[in-house]
């Protein structure tokens, strides 16, 4: 070792890597946990931050808060106006709602707010919603829309 240099961790009073945001060894983590023996490992005391995650339940659509932003209201209005057999892109919904270029926000709205005709919305290339292709194809077929190779077929 060169003069003037310390060995890693020497003279630092503990695990030198902890100062740099790196992972501690298993023994260091166990030692740290030992300092808090008797503390509730499940989080804050009951009643201070709401129900624990193990006690939470998913809200139904009827139970979700109904306050919406003007953008969300406009998107919901466009989606609710779609008739069976109509297929639009995320970008078309955004433009129709008065927010051209907000196609990703439309996708986020559909993800977060149930009860709308999500299966009638496809990507700009005509592809079905990633992850829900089978269900979307089934719902579109029930409305008379042809789907070929994961895309809405023209005509």
N, C-alpha and C. Protein backbone atom coordinates (compact mmCIF):
# COMPACT_ATOMS: atom_id res chain seq x y z
N UNK A 1 0.84 -1.17 0.00
CA UNK A 1 0.00 0.00 0.00
C UNK A 1 0.89 1.23 0.00
N UNK A 2 0.48 2.25 -0.72
CA UNK A 2 1.27 3.48 -0.80
C UNK A 2 1.24 4.23 0.52
N UNK A 3 2.31 4.98 0.80
CA UNK A 3 2.32 5.77 2.03
C UNK A 3 1.18 6.79 2.02
N UNK A 4 0.61 7.02 3.18
CA UNK A 4 -0.45 8.03 3.31
C UNK A 4 -1.84 7.49 3.00
N UNK A 5 -1.92 6.24 2.58
CA UNK A 5 -3.24 5.68 2.27
C UNK A 5 -3.62 4.68 3.35
N UNK A 6 -4.87 4.68 3.70
CA UNK A 6 -5.36 3.75 4.71
C UNK A 6 -5.96 2.53 4.03
N UNK A 7 -5.99 1.47 4.75
CA UNK A 7 -6.70 0.29 4.27
C UNK A 7 -8.18 0.62 4.25
N UNK A 8 -8.95 0.02 3.34
CA UNK A 8 -10.38 0.32 3.28
C UNK A 8 -11.04 0.11 4.63
N UNK A 9 -11.74 1.11 5.10
CA UNK A 9 -12.48 1.03 6.35
C UNK A 9 -11.67 1.35 7.58
N UNK A 10 -10.36 1.48 7.44
CA UNK A 10 -9.54 1.73 8.61
C UNK A 10 -9.77 3.14 9.13
N UNK A 11 -10.00 3.27 10.42
CA UNK A 11 -10.13 4.58 11.04
C UNK A 11 -11.45 5.27 10.77
N UNK A 12 -12.42 4.56 10.27
CA UNK A 12 -13.70 5.21 9.98
C UNK A 12 -14.77 4.87 11.01
N UNK A 13 -14.48 3.96 11.88
CA UNK A 13 -15.44 3.66 12.92
C UNK A 13 -16.62 2.84 12.44
N UNK A 14 -16.41 1.94 11.53
CA UNK A 14 -17.52 1.09 11.09
C UNK A 14 -17.34 0.68 9.66
N UNK A 15 -18.42 0.26 9.08
CA UNK A 15 -18.40 -0.19 7.70
C UNK A 15 -18.25 1.02 6.79
N UNK A 16 -17.10 1.14 6.15
CA UNK A 16 -16.84 2.33 5.34
C UNK A 16 -17.78 2.45 4.16
N UNK A 17 -18.31 1.35 3.67
CA UNK A 17 -19.19 1.40 2.50
C UNK A 17 -20.53 2.03 2.83
N UNK A 18 -20.93 1.96 4.08
CA UNK A 18 -22.23 2.53 4.45
C UNK A 18 -22.27 4.03 4.20
N UNK A 19 -21.11 4.68 4.27
CA UNK A 19 -21.07 6.13 4.03
C UNK A 19 -21.30 6.47 2.57
N UNK A 20 -21.13 5.49 1.69
CA UNK A 20 -21.23 5.76 0.26
C UNK A 20 -22.50 5.17 -0.35
N UNK A 21 -23.45 4.78 0.47
CA UNK A 21 -24.72 4.29 -0.04
C UNK A 21 -24.66 2.87 -0.57
N UNK A 22 -23.58 2.15 -0.31
CA UNK A 22 -23.49 0.78 -0.80
C UNK A 22 -24.12 -0.15 0.21
N UNK A 23 -24.40 -1.36 -0.23
CA UNK A 23 -25.05 -2.34 0.64
C UNK A 23 -24.14 -2.76 1.78
N UNK A 24 -24.72 -2.96 2.94
CA UNK A 24 -23.98 -3.48 4.08
C UNK A 24 -23.96 -5.00 3.99
N UNK A 25 -23.01 -5.60 4.66
CA UNK A 25 -22.96 -7.05 4.72
C UNK A 25 -24.12 -7.55 5.56
N UNK A 26 -24.39 -8.86 5.47
CA UNK A 26 -25.48 -9.44 6.25
C UNK A 26 -25.28 -9.24 7.74
N UNK A 27 -24.03 -9.39 8.19
CA UNK A 27 -23.74 -9.23 9.62
C UNK A 27 -24.00 -7.79 10.06
N UNK A 28 -23.63 -6.83 9.22
CA UNK A 28 -23.85 -5.42 9.56
C UNK A 28 -25.34 -5.11 9.64
N UNK A 29 -26.12 -5.68 8.72
CA UNK A 29 -27.57 -5.45 8.75
C UNK A 29 -28.19 -6.07 10.00
N UNK A 30 -27.76 -7.30 10.33
CA UNK A 30 -28.30 -7.95 11.53
C UNK A 30 -27.95 -7.15 12.78
N UNK A 31 -26.72 -6.62 12.83
CA UNK A 31 -26.32 -5.80 13.98
C UNK A 31 -27.16 -4.55 14.09
N UNK A 32 -27.48 -3.95 12.96
CA UNK A 32 -28.30 -2.74 12.95
C UNK A 32 -29.71 -3.05 13.44
N UNK A 33 -30.24 -4.19 12.99
CA UNK A 33 -31.58 -4.58 13.43
C UNK A 33 -31.61 -4.83 14.93
N UNK A 34 -30.49 -5.34 15.47
CA UNK A 34 -30.45 -5.65 16.91
C UNK A 34 -30.63 -4.39 17.74
N UNK A 35 -30.26 -3.23 17.21
CA UNK A 35 -30.42 -1.98 17.94
C UNK A 35 -31.89 -1.66 18.18
N UNK A 36 -32.75 -2.18 17.34
CA UNK A 36 -34.17 -1.83 17.41
C UNK A 36 -35.02 -3.00 17.89
N UNK A 37 -34.43 -3.93 18.61
CA UNK A 37 -35.22 -5.06 19.13
C UNK A 37 -36.36 -4.52 19.99
N UNK A 38 -37.49 -5.10 19.82
CA UNK A 38 -38.65 -4.67 20.59
C UNK A 38 -39.50 -3.65 19.84
N UNK A 39 -38.93 -3.03 18.81
CA UNK A 39 -39.72 -2.08 18.02
C UNK A 39 -40.65 -2.87 17.11
N UNK A 40 -41.77 -2.29 16.78
CA UNK A 40 -42.73 -2.93 15.89
C UNK A 40 -42.17 -2.91 14.47
N UNK A 41 -41.84 -4.07 13.89
CA UNK A 41 -41.26 -4.08 12.55
C UNK A 41 -42.28 -3.79 11.46
N UNK A 42 -43.57 -3.72 11.81
CA UNK A 42 -44.61 -3.54 10.81
C UNK A 42 -44.86 -2.11 10.40
N UNK A 43 -44.12 -1.15 10.89
CA UNK A 43 -44.34 0.22 10.48
C UNK A 43 -44.75 1.10 11.63
N UNK A 44 -45.36 2.23 11.33
CA UNK A 44 -45.75 3.19 12.37
C UNK A 44 -46.85 2.62 13.25
N UNK A 45 -47.01 3.19 14.44
CA UNK A 45 -48.06 2.71 15.34
C UNK A 45 -49.43 2.81 14.69
N UNK A 46 -50.30 1.91 15.10
CA UNK A 46 -51.66 1.92 14.54
C UNK A 46 -52.33 3.28 14.77
N UNK A 47 -53.10 3.68 13.77
CA UNK A 47 -53.87 4.90 13.90
C UNK A 47 -53.13 6.17 13.51
N UNK A 48 -51.81 6.08 13.29
CA UNK A 48 -51.09 7.29 12.95
C UNK A 48 -51.01 7.52 11.45
N UNK A 49 -50.92 6.45 10.68
CA UNK A 49 -50.78 6.60 9.23
C UNK A 49 -51.86 5.86 8.46
N UNK A 50 -52.90 5.45 9.10
CA UNK A 50 -53.95 4.72 8.42
C UNK A 50 -53.73 3.22 8.54
N UNK A 51 -54.53 2.44 7.84
CA UNK A 51 -54.45 0.99 7.97
C UNK A 51 -53.13 0.45 7.43
N UNK A 52 -52.70 -0.63 8.01
CA UNK A 52 -51.49 -1.29 7.52
C UNK A 52 -51.77 -1.90 6.16
N UNK A 53 -50.71 -2.13 5.42
CA UNK A 53 -50.89 -2.65 4.06
C UNK A 53 -51.59 -3.99 4.07
N UNK A 54 -51.37 -4.81 5.11
CA UNK A 54 -52.02 -6.12 5.16
C UNK A 54 -53.52 -5.99 5.40
N UNK A 55 -53.97 -4.83 5.88
CA UNK A 55 -55.38 -4.63 6.16
C UNK A 55 -56.08 -3.82 5.07
N UNK A 56 -55.32 -3.32 4.12
CA UNK A 56 -55.92 -2.50 3.06
C UNK A 56 -56.69 -3.39 2.10
N UNK A 57 -57.68 -2.82 1.47
CA UNK A 57 -58.40 -3.54 0.43
C UNK A 57 -58.54 -2.62 -0.77
N UNK A 58 -58.73 -3.20 -1.92
CA UNK A 58 -58.88 -2.43 -3.14
C UNK A 58 -60.29 -1.86 -3.18
N UNK A 59 -60.38 -0.59 -3.49
CA UNK A 59 -61.69 0.06 -3.57
C UNK A 59 -62.39 -0.34 -4.86
N UNK A 60 -63.68 -0.54 -4.80
CA UNK A 60 -64.43 -0.78 -6.02
C UNK A 60 -64.60 0.55 -6.75
N UNK A 61 -65.05 0.49 -7.98
CA UNK A 61 -65.23 1.71 -8.77
C UNK A 61 -66.20 2.66 -8.07
N UNK A 62 -67.25 2.11 -7.47
CA UNK A 62 -68.24 2.96 -6.80
C UNK A 62 -67.66 3.64 -5.56
N UNK A 63 -66.64 3.04 -4.94
CA UNK A 63 -66.07 3.59 -3.71
C UNK A 63 -64.95 4.59 -3.97
N UNK A 64 -64.42 4.62 -5.18
CA UNK A 64 -63.31 5.53 -5.47
C UNK A 64 -63.77 6.98 -5.45
N UNK A 65 -62.87 7.88 -5.09
CA UNK A 65 -63.25 9.30 -5.10
C UNK A 65 -63.67 9.73 -6.51
N UNK A 66 -64.66 10.58 -6.59
CA UNK A 66 -65.19 10.97 -7.89
C UNK A 66 -64.64 12.31 -8.37
N UNK A 67 -63.78 12.94 -7.60
CA UNK A 67 -63.23 14.21 -8.05
C UNK A 67 -62.26 13.95 -9.19
N UNK A 68 -62.42 14.70 -10.25
CA UNK A 68 -61.58 14.54 -11.43
C UNK A 68 -61.04 15.89 -11.85
N UNK A 69 -59.91 15.84 -12.53
CA UNK A 69 -59.36 17.05 -13.12
C UNK A 69 -60.17 17.37 -14.38
N UNK A 70 -60.06 18.58 -14.90
CA UNK A 70 -60.74 18.89 -16.16
C UNK A 70 -60.29 17.97 -17.30
N UNK A 71 -59.00 17.61 -17.31
CA UNK A 71 -58.50 16.69 -18.34
C UNK A 71 -59.19 15.33 -18.21
N UNK A 72 -59.26 14.80 -17.00
CA UNK A 72 -59.89 13.50 -16.79
C UNK A 72 -61.36 13.52 -17.17
N UNK A 73 -62.04 14.61 -16.86
CA UNK A 73 -63.45 14.73 -17.22
C UNK A 73 -63.63 14.75 -18.73
N UNK A 74 -62.74 15.47 -19.43
CA UNK A 74 -62.82 15.55 -20.89
C UNK A 74 -62.55 14.19 -21.52
N UNK A 75 -61.55 13.46 -21.00
CA UNK A 75 -61.23 12.13 -21.54
C UNK A 75 -62.39 11.18 -21.29
N UNK A 76 -62.97 11.22 -20.09
CA UNK A 76 -64.10 10.35 -19.77
C UNK A 76 -65.27 10.62 -20.70
N UNK A 77 -65.50 11.89 -21.00
CA UNK A 77 -66.59 12.26 -21.91
C UNK A 77 -66.37 11.69 -23.30
N UNK A 78 -65.13 11.78 -23.80
CA UNK A 78 -64.81 11.24 -25.13
C UNK A 78 -65.00 9.73 -25.13
N UNK A 79 -64.49 9.05 -24.10
CA UNK A 79 -64.59 7.59 -24.04
C UNK A 79 -66.04 7.13 -23.92
N UNK A 80 -66.83 7.83 -23.15
CA UNK A 80 -68.22 7.44 -22.96
C UNK A 80 -69.05 7.68 -24.22
N UNK A 81 -68.58 8.55 -25.10
CA UNK A 81 -69.30 8.83 -26.35
C UNK A 81 -69.01 7.80 -27.43
N UNK A 82 -68.00 6.94 -27.23
CA UNK A 82 -67.67 5.92 -28.23
C UNK A 82 -68.81 4.90 -28.32
N UNK A 83 -69.18 4.56 -29.55
CA UNK A 83 -70.24 3.59 -29.78
C UNK A 83 -69.62 2.22 -30.06
N UNK A 84 -70.37 1.16 -29.85
CA UNK A 84 -69.86 -0.17 -30.18
C UNK A 84 -69.40 -0.22 -31.64
N UNK A 85 -68.23 -0.79 -31.86
CA UNK A 85 -67.67 -0.87 -33.20
C UNK A 85 -66.72 0.26 -33.54
N UNK A 86 -66.69 1.32 -32.73
CA UNK A 86 -65.75 2.43 -32.93
C UNK A 86 -64.43 2.11 -32.25
N UNK A 87 -63.33 2.35 -32.95
CA UNK A 87 -62.00 2.15 -32.38
C UNK A 87 -61.21 3.43 -32.61
N UNK A 88 -60.55 3.93 -31.56
CA UNK A 88 -59.75 5.15 -31.66
C UNK A 88 -58.38 4.90 -31.05
N UNK A 89 -57.44 5.80 -31.33
CA UNK A 89 -56.11 5.69 -30.73
C UNK A 89 -56.06 6.57 -29.48
N UNK A 90 -55.04 6.33 -28.69
CA UNK A 90 -54.83 7.16 -27.49
C UNK A 90 -54.68 8.63 -27.90
N UNK A 91 -53.96 8.88 -28.98
CA UNK A 91 -53.75 10.24 -29.46
C UNK A 91 -55.03 10.91 -29.91
N UNK A 92 -55.90 10.14 -30.56
CA UNK A 92 -57.18 10.69 -31.00
C UNK A 92 -58.06 11.07 -29.80
N UNK A 93 -58.03 10.24 -28.77
CA UNK A 93 -58.80 10.56 -27.56
C UNK A 93 -58.27 11.85 -26.94
N UNK A 94 -56.93 11.96 -26.85
CA UNK A 94 -56.32 13.16 -26.25
C UNK A 94 -56.68 14.41 -27.05
N UNK A 95 -56.59 14.32 -28.38
CA UNK A 95 -56.90 15.47 -29.23
C UNK A 95 -58.38 15.85 -29.11
N UNK A 96 -59.24 14.84 -29.12
CA UNK A 96 -60.68 15.09 -29.00
C UNK A 96 -61.03 15.71 -27.65
N UNK A 97 -60.25 15.37 -26.63
CA UNK A 97 -60.48 15.92 -25.29
C UNK A 97 -59.87 17.32 -25.15
N UNK A 98 -59.21 17.80 -26.20
CA UNK A 98 -58.64 19.15 -26.16
C UNK A 98 -57.21 19.20 -25.67
N UNK A 99 -56.54 18.06 -25.63
CA UNK A 99 -55.16 17.99 -25.15
C UNK A 99 -54.30 17.18 -26.12
N UNK A 100 -54.08 17.69 -27.33
CA UNK A 100 -53.27 16.93 -28.28
C UNK A 100 -51.88 16.67 -27.71
N UNK A 101 -51.38 15.48 -27.94
CA UNK A 101 -50.07 15.12 -27.44
C UNK A 101 -50.10 14.46 -26.07
N UNK A 102 -51.27 14.36 -25.47
CA UNK A 102 -51.37 13.78 -24.13
C UNK A 102 -51.80 12.31 -24.19
N UNK A 103 -51.32 11.58 -25.20
CA UNK A 103 -51.73 10.19 -25.38
C UNK A 103 -51.32 9.31 -24.20
N UNK A 104 -50.15 9.56 -23.62
CA UNK A 104 -49.72 8.75 -22.47
C UNK A 104 -50.60 9.01 -21.25
N UNK A 105 -51.05 10.24 -21.09
CA UNK A 105 -51.94 10.57 -19.98
C UNK A 105 -53.29 9.87 -20.16
N UNK A 106 -53.72 9.69 -21.41
CA UNK A 106 -54.96 8.94 -21.67
C UNK A 106 -54.78 7.49 -21.22
N UNK A 107 -53.63 6.91 -21.54
CA UNK A 107 -53.35 5.54 -21.09
C UNK A 107 -53.35 5.42 -19.58
N UNK A 108 -52.76 6.40 -18.93
CA UNK A 108 -52.72 6.42 -17.46
C UNK A 108 -54.15 6.55 -16.90
N UNK A 109 -54.96 7.39 -17.54
CA UNK A 109 -56.35 7.54 -17.11
C UNK A 109 -57.09 6.21 -17.21
N UNK A 110 -56.92 5.52 -18.34
CA UNK A 110 -57.59 4.24 -18.52
C UNK A 110 -57.12 3.20 -17.51
N UNK A 111 -55.84 3.25 -17.18
CA UNK A 111 -55.30 2.32 -16.19
C UNK A 111 -55.90 2.58 -14.81
N UNK A 112 -56.05 3.85 -14.45
CA UNK A 112 -56.46 4.22 -13.10
C UNK A 112 -57.97 4.32 -12.89
N UNK A 113 -58.74 4.47 -13.96
CA UNK A 113 -60.18 4.68 -13.83
C UNK A 113 -60.92 3.60 -14.61
N UNK A 114 -61.56 2.70 -13.91
CA UNK A 114 -62.33 1.66 -14.57
C UNK A 114 -63.68 2.18 -15.02
N UNK A 115 -64.43 1.31 -15.67
CA UNK A 115 -65.79 1.66 -16.06
C UNK A 115 -65.91 2.36 -17.39
N UNK A 116 -64.82 2.49 -18.13
CA UNK A 116 -64.87 3.13 -19.45
C UNK A 116 -64.57 2.09 -20.52
N UNK A 117 -64.82 2.42 -21.76
CA UNK A 117 -64.66 1.49 -22.87
C UNK A 117 -63.19 1.40 -23.30
N UNK A 118 -62.33 0.89 -22.42
CA UNK A 118 -60.89 0.84 -22.66
C UNK A 118 -60.53 -0.01 -23.87
N UNK A 119 -61.31 -1.04 -24.17
CA UNK A 119 -60.98 -1.95 -25.27
C UNK A 119 -61.15 -1.30 -26.64
N UNK A 120 -61.80 -0.16 -26.70
CA UNK A 120 -61.98 0.54 -27.97
C UNK A 120 -60.83 1.49 -28.27
N UNK A 121 -59.82 1.52 -27.42
CA UNK A 121 -58.66 2.40 -27.60
C UNK A 121 -57.44 1.54 -27.89
N UNK A 122 -56.73 1.88 -28.98
CA UNK A 122 -55.54 1.13 -29.40
C UNK A 122 -54.37 2.09 -29.57
N UNK A 123 -53.20 1.54 -29.81
CA UNK A 123 -52.03 2.38 -30.05
C UNK A 123 -52.12 3.02 -31.43
N UNK A 124 -51.23 3.95 -31.71
CA UNK A 124 -51.24 4.66 -33.00
C UNK A 124 -51.03 3.70 -34.17
N UNK A 125 -50.32 2.60 -33.93
CA UNK A 125 -50.08 1.63 -35.00
C UNK A 125 -51.21 0.61 -35.12
N UNK A 126 -52.23 0.73 -34.29
CA UNK A 126 -53.35 -0.19 -34.33
C UNK A 126 -53.19 -1.40 -33.43
N UNK A 127 -52.08 -1.45 -32.70
CA UNK A 127 -51.83 -2.58 -31.79
C UNK A 127 -52.77 -2.51 -30.59
N UNK A 128 -53.07 -3.69 -30.08
CA UNK A 128 -53.91 -3.78 -28.89
C UNK A 128 -53.12 -3.40 -27.65
N UNK A 129 -53.83 -3.20 -26.54
CA UNK A 129 -53.21 -2.78 -25.28
C UNK A 129 -52.24 -3.85 -24.81
N UNK A 130 -50.97 -3.51 -24.63
CA UNK A 130 -50.00 -4.50 -24.17
C UNK A 130 -50.39 -5.09 -22.82
N UNK A 131 -50.40 -6.41 -22.74
CA UNK A 131 -50.75 -7.09 -21.51
C UNK A 131 -52.21 -7.52 -21.44
N UNK A 132 -53.06 -6.92 -22.25
CA UNK A 132 -54.50 -7.26 -22.26
C UNK A 132 -54.98 -7.62 -23.66
N UNK A 133 -54.06 -8.10 -24.49
CA UNK A 133 -54.40 -8.36 -25.89
C UNK A 133 -55.55 -9.35 -26.05
N UNK A 134 -55.52 -10.44 -25.29
CA UNK A 134 -56.53 -11.49 -25.44
C UNK A 134 -57.92 -10.97 -25.07
N UNK A 135 -58.01 -10.31 -23.93
CA UNK A 135 -59.30 -9.77 -23.48
C UNK A 135 -59.79 -8.68 -24.43
N UNK A 136 -58.89 -7.81 -24.88
CA UNK A 136 -59.29 -6.73 -25.78
C UNK A 136 -59.75 -7.30 -27.12
N UNK A 137 -59.05 -8.30 -27.64
CA UNK A 137 -59.45 -8.92 -28.90
C UNK A 137 -60.83 -9.56 -28.77
N UNK A 138 -61.10 -10.20 -27.64
CA UNK A 138 -62.39 -10.83 -27.41
C UNK A 138 -63.51 -9.78 -27.38
N UNK A 139 -63.28 -8.68 -26.66
CA UNK A 139 -64.30 -7.63 -26.57
C UNK A 139 -64.53 -6.94 -27.91
N UNK A 140 -63.46 -6.71 -28.66
CA UNK A 140 -63.61 -6.09 -29.98
C UNK A 140 -64.33 -7.02 -30.95
N UNK A 141 -64.01 -8.32 -30.90
CA UNK A 141 -64.68 -9.29 -31.77
C UNK A 141 -66.17 -9.33 -31.48
N UNK A 142 -66.55 -9.18 -30.22
CA UNK A 142 -67.96 -9.16 -29.85
C UNK A 142 -68.68 -7.96 -30.45
N UNK A 143 -67.92 -6.90 -30.77
CA UNK A 143 -68.51 -5.70 -31.38
C UNK A 143 -68.33 -5.69 -32.90
N UNK A 144 -67.81 -6.79 -33.46
CA UNK A 144 -67.67 -6.90 -34.90
C UNK A 144 -66.37 -6.35 -35.46
N UNK A 145 -65.39 -6.09 -34.62
CA UNK A 145 -64.08 -5.57 -35.07
C UNK A 145 -63.15 -6.75 -35.29
N UNK A 146 -62.49 -6.77 -36.45
CA UNK A 146 -61.55 -7.84 -36.77
C UNK A 146 -60.16 -7.50 -36.25
N UNK A 147 -59.53 -8.46 -35.58
CA UNK A 147 -58.17 -8.30 -35.07
C UNK A 147 -57.30 -9.36 -35.73
N UNK A 148 -56.20 -8.91 -36.36
CA UNK A 148 -55.28 -9.83 -37.03
C UNK A 148 -53.88 -9.57 -36.50
N UNK A 149 -53.22 -10.60 -36.00
CA UNK A 149 -51.85 -10.51 -35.48
C UNK A 149 -51.70 -9.40 -34.44
N UNK A 150 -52.65 -9.28 -33.54
CA UNK A 150 -52.54 -8.30 -32.46
C UNK A 150 -52.82 -6.87 -32.87
N UNK A 151 -53.37 -6.67 -34.08
CA UNK A 151 -53.70 -5.32 -34.56
C UNK A 151 -55.14 -5.29 -35.05
N UNK A 152 -55.73 -4.12 -34.99
CA UNK A 152 -57.07 -3.94 -35.54
C UNK A 152 -56.92 -3.92 -37.05
N UNK A 153 -57.70 -4.78 -37.73
CA UNK A 153 -57.64 -4.87 -39.19
C UNK A 153 -58.52 -3.79 -39.81
N UNK A 154 -58.01 -3.14 -40.85
CA UNK A 154 -58.79 -2.12 -41.56
C UNK A 154 -59.83 -2.79 -42.43
N UNK A 155 -61.04 -2.26 -42.36
CA UNK A 155 -62.11 -2.72 -43.23
C UNK A 155 -62.66 -3.98 -42.81
